[in-house]
C-alpha atoms as a PDB file:
ATOM      1  CA  UNK A   1     -17.113  41.403  -0.704  1.00  0.00           C
ATOM      2  CA  UNK A   2     -18.972  40.833  -3.212  1.00  0.00           C
ATOM      3  CA  UNK A   3     -18.307  40.881  -6.710  1.00  0.00           C
ATOM      4  CA  UNK A   4     -19.318  43.893  -9.079  1.00  0.00           C
ATOM      5  CA  UNK A   5     -20.509  41.434 -12.001  1.00  0.00           C
ATOM      6  CA  UNK A   6     -21.655  38.161 -10.776  1.00  0.00           C
ATOM      7  CA  UNK A   7     -23.308  36.644 -13.687  1.00  0.00           C
ATOM      8  CA  UNK A   8     -20.255  37.360 -15.906  1.00  0.00           C
ATOM      9  CA  UNK A   9     -17.875  35.736 -13.632  1.00  0.00           C
ATOM     10  CA  UNK A  10     -20.043  32.838 -13.673  1.00  0.00           C
ATOM     11  CA  UNK A  11     -20.126  32.694 -17.652  1.00  0.00           C
ATOM     12  CA  UNK A  12     -16.249  32.571 -17.311  1.00  0.00           C
ATOM     13  CA  UNK A  13     -15.747  29.998 -14.884  1.00  0.00           C
ATOM     14  CA  UNK A  14     -18.285  27.737 -16.634  1.00  0.00           C
ATOM     15  CA  UNK A  15     -16.642  28.736 -19.738  1.00  0.00           C
ATOM     16  CA  UNK A  16     -13.291  27.655 -18.319  1.00  0.00           C
ATOM     17  CA  UNK A  17     -15.178  23.972 -17.212  1.00  0.00           C
ATOM     18  CA  UNK A  18     -16.342  23.350 -20.374  1.00  0.00           C
ATOM     19  CA  UNK A  19     -13.164  24.293 -21.739  1.00  0.00           C
ATOM     20  CA  UNK A  20     -10.941  21.853 -19.502  1.00  0.00           C
ATOM     21  CA  UNK A  21     -13.655  19.078 -19.516  1.00  0.00           C
ATOM     22  CA  UNK A  22     -13.979  18.968 -23.030  1.00  0.00           C
ATOM     23  CA  UNK A  23     -10.728  16.694 -24.064  1.00  0.00           C
ATOM     24  CA  UNK A  24     -12.331  14.236 -21.202  1.00  0.00           C
ATOM     25  CA  UNK A  25     -15.378  14.432 -22.808  1.00  0.00           C
ATOM     26  CA  UNK A  26     -13.719  13.825 -26.805  1.00  0.00           C
ATOM     27  CA  UNK A  27     -11.799  11.071 -25.035  1.00  0.00           C
ATOM     28  CA  UNK A  28     -15.162   9.382 -23.624  1.00  0.00           C
ATOM     29  CA  UNK A  29     -17.548   9.829 -26.754  1.00  0.00           C
ATOM     30  CA  UNK A  30     -15.064   8.437 -28.864  1.00  0.00           C
ATOM     31  CA  UNK A  31     -13.382   5.077 -26.559  1.00  0.00           C
ATOM     32  CA  UNK A  32     -17.349   4.040 -27.485  1.00  0.00           C
ATOM     33  CA  UNK A  33     -17.481   4.319 -30.990  1.00  0.00           C
ATOM     34  CA  UNK A  34     -16.711   2.932 -33.976  1.00  0.00           C
ATOM     35  CA  UNK A  35     -12.831   4.186 -35.660  1.00  0.00           C
ATOM     36  CA  UNK A  36     -15.223   4.319 -38.880  1.00  0.00           C
ATOM     37  CA  UNK A  37     -17.201   6.881 -36.994  1.00  0.00           C
ATOM     38  CA  UNK A  38     -14.001   8.537 -35.397  1.00  0.00           C
ATOM     39  CA  UNK A  39     -12.219   9.196 -38.211  1.00  0.00           C
ATOM     40  CA  UNK A  40     -15.557  10.803 -40.646  1.00  0.00           C
ATOM     41  CA  UNK A  41     -16.011  14.220 -41.373  1.00  0.00           C
ATOM     42  CA  UNK A  42     -17.694  16.415 -39.924  1.00  0.00           C
ATOM     43  CA  UNK A  43     -17.198  14.833 -36.520  1.00  0.00           C
ATOM     44  CA  UNK A  44     -20.200  13.736 -34.604  1.00  0.00           C
ATOM     45  CA  UNK A  45     -20.205  15.099 -30.647  1.00  0.00           C
ATOM     46  CA  UNK A  46     -22.471  11.867 -29.941  1.00  0.00           C
ATOM     47  CA  UNK A  47     -21.728   8.754 -30.686  1.00  0.00           C
ATOM     48  CA  UNK A  48     -24.735   7.085 -33.039  1.00  0.00           C
ATOM     49  CA  UNK A  49     -24.285   4.315 -31.257  1.00  0.00           C
ATOM     50  CA  UNK A  50     -22.810   3.007 -28.022  1.00  0.00           C
ATOM     51  CA  UNK A  51     -19.735   0.296 -28.103  1.00  0.00           C
ATOM     52  CA  UNK A  52     -19.515  -0.495 -24.500  1.00  0.00           C
ATOM     53  CA  UNK A  53     -17.804  -3.969 -25.282  1.00  0.00           C
ATOM     54  CA  UNK A  54     -13.896  -1.686 -26.692  1.00  0.00           C
ATOM     55  CA  UNK A  55     -13.691  -1.653 -22.813  1.00  0.00           C
ATOM     56  CA  UNK A  56     -13.769  -5.217 -21.658  1.00  0.00           C
ATOM     57  CA  UNK A  57     -11.983  -6.321 -24.934  1.00  0.00           C
ATOM     58  CA  UNK A  58      -8.910  -3.954 -24.583  1.00  0.00           C
ATOM     59  CA  UNK A  59      -8.827  -5.140 -20.964  1.00  0.00           C
ATOM     60  CA  UNK A  60      -8.908  -8.330 -21.620  1.00  0.00           C
ATOM     61  CA  UNK A  61      -6.494  -8.427 -24.948  1.00  0.00           C
ATOM     62  CA  UNK A  62      -3.919  -6.555 -23.020  1.00  0.00           C
ATOM     63  CA  UNK A  63      -4.113  -7.796 -19.086  1.00  0.00           C
ATOM     64  CA  UNK A  64      -4.640  -4.787 -17.930  1.00  0.00           C
ATOM     65  CA  UNK A  65      -5.710  -6.423 -14.452  1.00  0.00           C
ATOM     66  CA  UNK A  66      -1.845  -7.378 -14.295  1.00  0.00           C
ATOM     67  CA  UNK A  67      -0.961  -3.870 -15.261  1.00  0.00           C
ATOM     68  CA  UNK A  68      -3.476  -2.158 -13.025  1.00  0.00           C
ATOM     69  CA  UNK A  69      -2.088  -3.890  -9.999  1.00  0.00           C
ATOM     70  CA  UNK A  70       1.654  -2.984 -10.628  1.00  0.00           C
ATOM     71  CA  UNK A  71       0.844   0.733 -11.331  1.00  0.00           C
ATOM     72  CA  UNK A  72      -1.647   0.800  -7.511  1.00  0.00           C
ATOM     73  CA  UNK A  73       1.355  -1.212  -5.616  1.00  0.00           C
ATOM     74  CA  UNK A  74       4.025   0.933  -6.678  1.00  0.00           C
ATOM     75  CA  UNK A  75       1.697   4.655  -6.836  1.00  0.00           C
ATOM     76  CA  UNK A  76       0.088   3.368  -3.291  1.00  0.00           C
ATOM     77  CA  UNK A  77       3.997   2.037  -1.952  1.00  0.00           C
ATOM     78  CA  UNK A  78       5.883   5.358  -3.401  1.00  0.00           C
ATOM     79  CA  UNK A  79       2.964   8.016  -1.625  1.00  0.00           C
ATOM     80  CA  UNK A  80       2.820   6.606   1.403  1.00  0.00           C
ATOM     81  CA  UNK A  81       6.645   6.151   2.013  1.00  0.00           C
ATOM     82  CA  UNK A  82       6.477   9.688   0.089  1.00  0.00           C
ATOM     83  CA  UNK A  83       4.389  11.220   2.789  1.00  0.00           C
ATOM     84  CA  UNK A  84       5.294   9.571   5.589  1.00  0.00           C
ATOM     85  CA  UNK A  85       8.812  10.702   4.934  1.00  0.00           C
ATOM     86  CA  UNK A  86       7.901  14.167   3.835  1.00  0.00           C
ATOM     87  CA  UNK A  87       5.616  15.147   6.788  1.00  0.00           C
ATOM     88  CA  UNK A  88       8.368  13.818   9.587  1.00  0.00           C
ATOM     89  CA  UNK A  89      11.366  15.656   8.023  1.00  0.00           C
ATOM     90  CA  UNK A  90       9.331  18.619   7.466  1.00  0.00           C
ATOM     91  CA  UNK A  91       8.300  18.497  11.011  1.00  0.00           C
ATOM     92  CA  UNK A  92      12.159  18.121  12.086  1.00  0.00           C
ATOM     93  CA  UNK A  93      13.392  21.174   9.924  1.00  0.00           C
ATOM     94  CA  UNK A  94      10.589  23.063  11.631  1.00  0.00           C
ATOM     95  CA  UNK A  95      10.014  22.592  14.917  1.00  0.00           C
ATOM     96  CA  UNK A  96      13.063  20.415  15.926  1.00  0.00           C
ATOM     97  CA  UNK A  97      16.377  22.438  17.162  1.00  0.00           C
ATOM     98  CA  UNK A  98      18.881  20.849  15.092  1.00  0.00           C
ATOM     99  CA  UNK A  99      22.718  22.053  14.067  1.00  0.00           C
ATOM    100  CA  UNK A 100      22.827  23.197  10.971  1.00  0.00           C
ATOM    101  CA  UNK A 101      19.656  22.344   9.743  1.00  0.00           C
ATOM    102  CA  UNK A 102      18.769  25.962   7.612  1.00  0.00           C
ATOM    103  CA  UNK A 103      22.134  25.038   5.673  1.00  0.00           C
ATOM    104  CA  UNK A 104      20.945  21.672   4.845  1.00  0.00           C
ATOM    105  CA  UNK A 105      17.358  23.170   3.976  1.00  0.00           C
ATOM    106  CA  UNK A 106      18.747  25.242   1.429  1.00  0.00           C
ATOM    107  CA  UNK A 107      20.739  22.431   0.342  1.00  0.00           C
ATOM    108  CA  UNK A 108      17.905  20.104  -0.367  1.00  0.00           C
ATOM    109  CA  UNK A 109      16.039  22.964  -2.227  1.00  0.00           C
ATOM    110  CA  UNK A 110      19.189  23.692  -4.617  1.00  0.00           C
ATOM    111  CA  UNK A 111      18.763  19.673  -5.130  1.00  0.00           C
ATOM    112  CA  UNK A 112      15.711  20.319  -6.749  1.00  0.00           C
ATOM    113  CA  UNK A 113      17.255  22.757  -9.770  1.00  0.00           C
ATOM    114  CA  UNK A 114      19.262  19.446 -11.060  1.00  0.00           C
ATOM    115  CA  UNK A 115      17.396  18.386 -13.364  1.00  0.00           C
ATOM    116  CA  UNK A 116      15.264  14.403 -13.376  1.00  0.00           C
ATOM    117  CA  UNK A 117      17.281  12.857 -16.659  1.00  0.00           C
ATOM    118  CA  UNK A 118      21.067  14.335 -14.886  1.00  0.00           C
ATOM    119  CA  UNK A 119      20.312  11.632 -12.273  1.00  0.00           C
ATOM    120  CA  UNK A 120      19.055   8.890 -14.782  1.00  0.00           C
ATOM    121  CA  UNK A 121      22.059   6.948 -15.553  1.00  0.00           C
ATOM    122  CA  UNK A 122      23.764   7.542 -11.940  1.00  0.00           C
ATOM    123  CA  UNK A 123      20.358   6.035 -10.311  1.00  0.00           C
ATOM    124  CA  UNK A 124      20.634   2.906 -13.084  1.00  0.00           C
ATOM    125  CA  UNK A 125      23.614   1.786 -11.976  1.00  0.00           C
ATOM    126  CA  UNK A 126      23.104   2.199  -8.430  1.00  0.00           C
ATOM    127  CA  UNK A 127      19.938  -0.256  -8.931  1.00  0.00           C
ATOM    128  CA  UNK A 128      21.921  -2.392 -10.870  1.00  0.00           C
ATOM    129  CA  UNK A 129      24.149  -2.594  -8.105  1.00  0.00           C
ATOM    130  CA  UNK A 130      21.250  -3.506  -5.723  1.00  0.00           C
ATOM    131  CA  UNK A 131      20.079  -5.830  -7.607  1.00  0.00           C
ATOM    132  CA  UNK A 132      16.875  -4.085  -7.665  1.00  0.00           C
ATOM    133  CA  UNK A 133      16.652  -3.697 -11.680  1.00  0.00           C
ATOM    134  CA  UNK A 134      13.460  -5.348 -13.370  1.00  0.00           C
ATOM    135  CA  UNK A 135      11.882  -5.234  -9.834  1.00  0.00           C
ATOM    136  CA  UNK A 136       8.822  -3.367  -8.917  1.00  0.00           C
ATOM    137  CA  UNK A 137      10.846  -2.434  -6.254  1.00  0.00           C
ATOM    138  CA  UNK A 138      12.877  -0.750  -8.041  1.00  0.00           C
ATOM    139  CA  UNK A 139      10.142   2.212  -8.673  1.00  0.00           C
ATOM    140  CA  UNK A 140       9.716   2.390  -5.154  1.00  0.00           C
ATOM    141  CA  UNK A 141      12.411   2.836  -2.499  1.00  0.00           C
ATOM    142  CA  UNK A 142      14.811   5.494  -4.383  1.00  0.00           C
ATOM    143  CA  UNK A 143      11.294   7.831  -5.034  1.00  0.00           C
ATOM    144  CA  UNK A 144      10.267   7.198  -1.398  1.00  0.00           C
ATOM    145  CA  UNK A 145      11.118  10.531  -0.711  1.00  0.00           C
ATOM    146  CA  UNK A 146      10.792  14.246  -2.628  1.00  0.00           C
ATOM    147  CA  UNK A 147      12.894  17.170  -1.803  1.00  0.00           C
ATOM    148  CA  UNK A 148       9.341  19.046  -2.966  1.00  0.00           C
ATOM    149  CA  UNK A 149       7.440  17.567  -0.510  1.00  0.00           C
ATOM    150  CA  UNK A 150      10.094  18.125   2.249  1.00  0.00           C
ATOM    151  CA  UNK A 151      10.161  21.350   1.120  1.00  0.00           C
ATOM    152  CA  UNK A 152       5.716  21.562   1.219  1.00  0.00           C
ATOM    153  CA  UNK A 153       5.307  20.013   4.179  1.00  0.00           C
ATOM    154  CA  UNK A 154       8.050  22.373   6.058  1.00  0.00           C
ATOM    155  CA  UNK A 155       6.427  25.629   4.958  1.00  0.00           C
ATOM    156  CA  UNK A 156       3.088  24.410   6.448  1.00  0.00           C
ATOM    157  CA  UNK A 157       4.371  23.037   9.782  1.00  0.00           C
ATOM    158  CA  UNK A 158       6.217  26.861  10.261  1.00  0.00           C
ATOM    159  CA  UNK A 159       3.030  27.785  10.441  1.00  0.00           C
ATOM    160  CA  UNK A 160       1.810  25.536  13.517  1.00  0.00           C
ATOM    161  CA  UNK A 161       1.699  27.116  16.354  1.00  0.00           C
ATOM    162  CA  UNK A 162       5.025  27.247  18.570  1.00  0.00           C
ATOM    163  CA  UNK A 163       2.748  27.248  21.808  1.00  0.00           C
ATOM    164  CA  UNK A 164       0.521  24.517  21.116  1.00  0.00           C
ATOM    165  CA  UNK A 165       3.471  22.196  20.710  1.00  0.00           C
ATOM    166  CA  UNK A 166       5.282  23.290  23.733  1.00  0.00           C
ATOM    167  CA  UNK A 167       1.439  22.904  25.777  1.00  0.00           C
ATOM    168  CA  UNK A 168       1.393  19.736  24.686  1.00  0.00           C
ATOM    169  CA  UNK A 169       5.024  18.790  26.265  1.00  0.00           C
ATOM    170  CA  UNK A 170       4.136  20.507  29.616  1.00  0.00           C
ATOM    171  CA  UNK A 171       0.915  17.735  29.417  1.00  0.00           C
ATOM    172  CA  UNK A 172       3.605  15.165  29.843  1.00  0.00           C
ATOM    173  CA  UNK A 173       3.193  14.526  25.707  1.00  0.00           C
ATOM    174  CA  UNK A 174       6.142  12.757  24.406  1.00  0.00           C
ATOM    175  CA  UNK A 175       7.595  14.102  21.020  1.00  0.00           C
ATOM    176  CA  UNK A 176       6.032  10.963  19.440  1.00  0.00           C
ATOM    177  CA  UNK A 177       2.543  11.561  20.655  1.00  0.00           C
ATOM    178  CA  UNK A 178       2.833  15.670  19.799  1.00  0.00           C
ATOM    179  CA  UNK A 179       3.887  14.637  15.873  1.00  0.00           C
ATOM    180  CA  UNK A 180       0.772  11.850  15.642  1.00  0.00           C
ATOM    181  CA  UNK A 181      -1.889  13.409  17.843  1.00  0.00           C
ATOM    182  CA  UNK A 182      -1.249  17.362  17.738  1.00  0.00           C
ATOM    183  CA  UNK A 183       0.947  17.701  14.258  1.00  0.00           C
ATOM    184  CA  UNK A 184      -1.319  15.491  11.889  1.00  0.00           C
ATOM    185  CA  UNK A 185      -4.338  16.622  12.656  1.00  0.00           C
ATOM    186  CA  UNK A 186      -3.492  20.289  11.957  1.00  0.00           C
ATOM    187  CA  UNK A 187      -1.378  19.702   9.098  1.00  0.00           C
ATOM    188  CA  UNK A 188      -4.362  17.175   7.199  1.00  0.00           C
ATOM    189  CA  UNK A 189      -4.956  19.510   4.027  1.00  0.00           C
ATOM    190  CA  UNK A 190      -1.348  19.816   3.455  1.00  0.00           C
ATOM    191  CA  UNK A 191      -0.782  15.835   3.984  1.00  0.00           C
ATOM    192  CA  UNK A 192      -3.647  15.752   1.251  1.00  0.00           C
ATOM    193  CA  UNK A 193      -1.957  17.837  -1.171  1.00  0.00           C
ATOM    194  CA  UNK A 194       1.046  15.779  -1.234  1.00  0.00           C
ATOM    195  CA  UNK A 195      -0.860  12.560  -1.423  1.00  0.00           C
ATOM    196  CA  UNK A 196      -2.553  13.846  -4.717  1.00  0.00           C
ATOM    197  CA  UNK A 197       0.343  15.644  -5.979  1.00  0.00           C
ATOM    198  CA  UNK A 198       2.234  12.193  -5.467  1.00  0.00           C
ATOM    199  CA  UNK A 199      -0.248  10.094  -6.754  1.00  0.00           C
ATOM    200  CA  UNK A 200      -0.436  11.508 -10.162  1.00  0.00           C
ATOM    201  CA  UNK A 201       3.219  11.945 -10.269  1.00  0.00           C
ATOM    202  CA  UNK A 202       3.841   8.489  -9.812  1.00  0.00           C
ATOM    203  CA  UNK A 203       1.001   7.548 -11.636  1.00  0.00           C
ATOM    204  CA  UNK A 204       1.868   8.953 -14.239  1.00  0.00           C
ATOM    205  CA  UNK A 205       5.469   7.875 -14.536  1.00  0.00           C
ATOM    206  CA  UNK A 206       7.136   6.942 -17.675  1.00  0.00           C
ATOM    207  CA  UNK A 207      10.859   7.234 -17.957  1.00  0.00           C
ATOM    208  CA  UNK A 208      12.166   5.601 -15.270  1.00  0.00           C
ATOM    209  CA  UNK A 209       9.860   2.006 -15.862  1.00  0.00           C
ATOM    210  CA  UNK A 210      10.790   2.205 -18.878  1.00  0.00           C
ATOM    211  CA  UNK A 211      14.888   2.709 -18.111  1.00  0.00           C
ATOM    212  CA  UNK A 212      14.623   0.069 -14.607  1.00  0.00           C
ATOM    213  CA  UNK A 213      11.509  -2.805 -16.116  1.00  0.00           C
ATOM    214  CA  UNK A 214      12.190  -5.252 -18.998  1.00  0.00           C
ATOM    215  CA  UNK A 215      10.003  -7.870 -17.969  1.00  0.00           C
ATOM    216  CA  UNK A 216       6.450  -7.084 -20.055  1.00  0.00           C
ATOM    217  CA  UNK A 217       3.915  -8.695 -16.802  1.00  0.00           C
ATOM    218  CA  UNK A 218       6.171  -6.008 -14.457  1.00  0.00           C
ATOM    219  CA  UNK A 219       4.885  -3.181 -16.978  1.00  0.00           C
ATOM    220  CA  UNK A 220       3.092  -0.716 -15.179  1.00  0.00           C
ATOM    221  CA  UNK A 221       0.175   1.355 -17.051  1.00  0.00           C
ATOM    222  CA  UNK A 222       1.966   4.382 -18.577  1.00  0.00           C
ATOM    223  CA  UNK A 223       4.898   1.306 -20.755  1.00  0.00           C
ATOM    224  CA  UNK A 224       1.697  -0.383 -21.734  1.00  0.00           C
ATOM    225  CA  UNK A 225       0.349   2.434 -22.948  1.00  0.00           C
ATOM    226  CA  UNK A 226       3.406   3.028 -25.039  1.00  0.00           C
ATOM    227  CA  UNK A 227       2.965  -0.583 -26.394  1.00  0.00           C
ATOM    228  CA  UNK A 228      -0.601  -0.334 -27.246  1.00  0.00           C
ATOM    229  CA  UNK A 229       0.016   3.090 -29.708  1.00  0.00           C
ATOM    230  CA  UNK A 230       2.783   1.505 -30.993  1.00  0.00           C
ATOM    231  CA  UNK A 231       0.739  -1.723 -32.469  1.00  0.00           C
ATOM    232  CA  UNK A 232      -1.951   0.477 -33.220  1.00  0.00           C
ATOM    233  CA  UNK A 233      -2.092  -0.604 -36.465  1.00  0.00           C
ATOM    234  CA  UNK A 234      -3.485  -3.653 -35.367  1.00  0.00           C
ATOM    235  CA  UNK A 235      -5.731  -2.685 -32.424  1.00  0.00           C
ATOM    236  CA  UNK A 236      -8.700   0.004 -33.558  1.00  0.00           C
ATOM    237  CA  UNK A 237      -8.124   3.327 -32.364  1.00  0.00           C
ATOM    238  CA  UNK A 238     -11.761   3.358 -30.126  1.00  0.00           C
ATOM    239  CA  UNK A 239     -10.371   0.627 -28.049  1.00  0.00           C
ATOM    240  CA  UNK A 240      -6.416   2.671 -27.360  1.00  0.00           C
ATOM    241  CA  UNK A 241      -8.975   5.346 -26.324  1.00  0.00           C
ATOM    242  CA  UNK A 242     -10.926   3.187 -24.103  1.00  0.00           C
ATOM    243  CA  UNK A 243      -7.631   2.269 -22.554  1.00  0.00           C
ATOM    244  CA  UNK A 244      -6.230   5.816 -22.085  1.00  0.00           C
ATOM    245  CA  UNK A 245     -10.437   6.435 -20.687  1.00  0.00           C
ATOM    246  CA  UNK A 246      -9.376   3.465 -18.040  1.00  0.00           C
ATOM    247  CA  UNK A 247      -5.984   4.779 -16.734  1.00  0.00           C
ATOM    248  CA  UNK A 248      -7.301   8.222 -15.686  1.00  0.00           C
ATOM    249  CA  UNK A 249     -10.237   6.572 -13.589  1.00  0.00           C
ATOM    250  CA  UNK A 250      -8.268   6.154 -10.507  1.00  0.00           C
ATOM    251  CA  UNK A 251      -6.661   9.700 -10.349  1.00  0.00           C
ATOM    252  CA  UNK A 252     -10.451  11.149 -10.903  1.00  0.00           C
ATOM    253  CA  UNK A 253     -11.690   9.296  -7.997  1.00  0.00           C
ATOM    254  CA  UNK A 254      -8.791  10.031  -5.435  1.00  0.00           C
ATOM    255  CA  UNK A 255      -9.245  13.664  -6.379  1.00  0.00           C
ATOM    256  CA  UNK A 256     -12.989  13.848  -6.514  1.00  0.00           C
ATOM    257  CA  UNK A 257     -13.159  11.897  -2.609  1.00  0.00           C
ATOM    258  CA  UNK A 258     -10.307  14.458  -1.294  1.00  0.00           C
ATOM    259  CA  UNK A 259     -10.706  17.885  -3.006  1.00  0.00           C
ATOM    260  CA  UNK A 260     -12.197  19.338  -0.223  1.00  0.00           C
ATOM    261  CA  UNK A 261      -8.855  19.238   1.232  1.00  0.00           C
ATOM    262  CA  UNK A 262      -6.875  19.719  -1.806  1.00  0.00           C
ATOM    263  CA  UNK A 263      -8.122  22.865  -2.101  1.00  0.00           C
ATOM    264  CA  UNK A 264      -7.845  23.904   1.040  1.00  0.00           C
ATOM    265  CA  UNK A 265      -4.089  22.692   1.322  1.00  0.00           C
ATOM    266  CA  UNK A 266      -3.154  24.560  -2.102  1.00  0.00           C
ATOM    267  CA  UNK A 267      -5.316  27.633  -0.483  1.00  0.00           C
ATOM    268  CA  UNK A 268      -3.353  27.370   2.567  1.00  0.00           C
ATOM    269  CA  UNK A 269      -0.031  27.359   0.885  1.00  0.00           C
ATOM    270  CA  UNK A 270      -0.399  30.057  -1.643  1.00  0.00           C
ATOM    271  CA  UNK A 271      -1.699  32.544   1.539  1.00  0.00           C
ATOM    272  CA  UNK A 272       1.551  31.231   3.810  1.00  0.00           C
ATOM    273  CA  UNK A 273       3.838  31.399   1.022  1.00  0.00           C
END
């Protein structure tokens, strides 16, 4: 059905787009200004002169190469583990005959109501006992699976036709072949959705790295930015903003590359919910 007022709809959508993109635009233009131009009033919506040197200067000053590598390693590793375990667990809870699986699923969903700060202290002591304190592994292994991921994948896999799986079994396919060659291609939008959501969550994680890391050379980007903000008296604000802009680049690139599957996964999940 066609919209009755397509022009008004387009104006509304473009207005929303501008509103949501304005903070990113302002972050960009401020990162290539001087501090004097940033604080002047009235503000300038376009730099009088572009100062691209802010980016290499802050990159070298804070050793962002090591920090970026730490964040990439932690985020990619945790996201891969979450995707693998959530997909397998969702498939088992959805399609396999397991005694008490409905009760187990309800218990898992119930744990989503527990506030994360309540788990902080027990997790801290467990990681110390396991000897993982002040290591990047402590940010990967304990967070290699999420209840939300299992819940999301289970709900999505519920709509995969049982007849499709039975046909594969009749053709002689084993469970692993059914999972990898039949189920995974069907749920690709859901996998993409989980990848983006968990990538963003791990990339922006601040509390757990703050508690579990001590050595500065192992800091992730959120910790480094927090340290940078505390030293903002000595560091130009233009460089602080340049550092913040650099941290959002991987997330933006990931979303642009996977946006088609992400939107499909979100829309399918909304319809199925």
